[in-house]
Amino acid sequence: MLGIPIKADQFTKEKAMFRYSRLLIDMALDGQLPKYIDFINDCDVVIRKVVKYEWTSFKCDHYRIYGHKEEQCRKKVAQTK
C-alpha cells in the first residue's frame, strides 16, 4: 500500500515482535505520505495502523524538489524581498 518493500528487520521477518513492524519501503515522492494503513489480519478483521516514519526528506513546494522546506527556500525568500 505504501510502496515496494525492500527490507524488513529480523523480528518482522520472523513475526517475533507484534508491537511494531520495521520496513524499508521504496515510495513515490509525489503527494502526501499516508498517516495510516488499513489491512485485513489473519482473522479477516480490518485493522487500521498508524504509520510512523523514521526519516522523511524536506520538500520545497515552491520548486517541487526535496532537500529544504519552502520556508527556507533562498530563491523564494529573495523574490518576496
Protein backbone atom coordinates (compact mmCIF):
# COMPACT_ATOMS: atom_id res chain seq x y z
CA MET A 1 0.00 0.00 0.00
CA LEU A 2 2.86 2.38 0.74
CA GLY A 3 5.25 1.26 -1.97
CA ILE A 4 7.67 -1.53 -2.83
CA PRO A 5 9.04 -3.35 0.23
CA ILE A 6 12.83 -3.66 0.10
CA LYS A 7 13.92 -4.93 3.50
CA ALA A 8 12.47 -5.92 6.89
CA ASP A 9 14.19 -6.29 10.25
CA GLN A 10 14.70 -9.76 11.75
CA PHE A 11 11.78 -9.50 14.24
CA THR A 12 9.37 -8.51 11.47
CA LYS A 13 10.53 -11.33 9.20
CA GLU A 14 10.10 -13.91 11.95
CA LYS A 15 6.86 -12.33 13.25
CA ALA A 16 8.51 -12.39 16.67
CA MET A 17 7.55 -8.92 17.91
CA PHE A 18 3.96 -7.82 17.45
CA ARG A 19 4.28 -4.30 18.85
CA TYR A 20 5.55 -2.91 15.56
CA SER A 21 6.96 -3.83 12.17
CA ARG A 22 10.01 -2.14 10.75
CA LEU A 23 10.32 -1.99 6.97
CA LEU A 24 12.36 -0.22 4.34
CA ILE A 25 9.98 0.76 1.54
CA ASP A 26 10.62 2.38 -1.84
CA MET A 27 7.90 5.04 -2.12
CA ALA A 28 6.87 7.61 -4.69
CA LEU A 29 7.87 11.10 -3.58
CA ASP A 30 4.93 12.95 -5.06
CA GLY A 31 1.87 13.60 -2.93
CA GLN A 32 1.35 13.24 0.80
CA LEU A 33 2.76 10.42 2.90
CA PRO A 34 -0.06 8.26 4.28
CA LYS A 35 -0.72 8.66 8.01
CA TYR A 36 -2.24 5.19 8.38
CA ILE A 37 -2.81 1.94 6.50
CA ASP A 38 -5.73 -0.48 6.59
CA PHE A 39 -5.18 -4.22 6.25
CA ILE A 40 -7.02 -7.48 6.91
CA ASN A 41 -5.48 -9.67 9.60
CA ASP A 42 -5.48 -13.48 9.85
CA CYS A 43 -8.99 -13.43 11.39
CA ASP A 44 -10.41 -11.43 8.43
CA VAL A 45 -10.76 -8.29 10.58
CA VAL A 46 -9.86 -4.90 9.07
CA ILE A 47 -7.14 -3.24 11.16
CA ARG A 48 -6.05 0.40 10.87
CA LYS A 49 -2.47 1.13 11.90
CA VAL A 50 -0.75 4.48 12.20
CA VAL A 51 2.37 4.81 10.05
CA LYS A 52 5.40 6.34 11.78
CA TYR A 53 8.24 7.43 9.54
CA GLU A 54 11.75 7.22 10.99
CA TRP A 55 13.01 9.64 8.37
CA THR A 56 11.46 11.86 5.74
CA SER A 57 13.07 14.42 3.49
CA PHE A 58 12.09 18.06 3.47
CA LYS A 59 10.18 19.18 0.38
CA CYS A 60 10.09 22.64 -1.16
CA ASP A 61 6.58 23.01 -2.56
CA HIS A 62 7.68 26.14 -4.45
CA TYR A 63 10.13 24.20 -6.66
CA ARG A 64 8.68 20.73 -6.03
CA ILE A 65 12.07 19.34 -5.03
CA TYR A 66 13.46 17.70 -1.92
CA GLY A 67 16.24 18.95 0.30
CA HIS A 68 14.79 22.03 2.00
CA LYS A 69 11.50 23.38 3.27
CA GLU A 70 9.61 26.08 1.40
CA GLU A 71 10.14 28.48 4.32
CA GLN A 72 13.91 28.02 3.92
CA CYS A 73 13.94 28.38 0.13
CA ARG A 74 16.53 31.05 -0.70
CA LYS A 75 15.16 31.90 -4.13
CA LYS A 76 11.60 32.27 -2.90
CA VAL A 77 12.72 34.41 0.05
CA ALA A 78 14.73 36.60 -2.37
CA GLN A 79 11.66 37.03 -4.61
CA THR A 80 9.49 38.22 -1.71
CA LYS A 81 12.08 40.82 -0.65
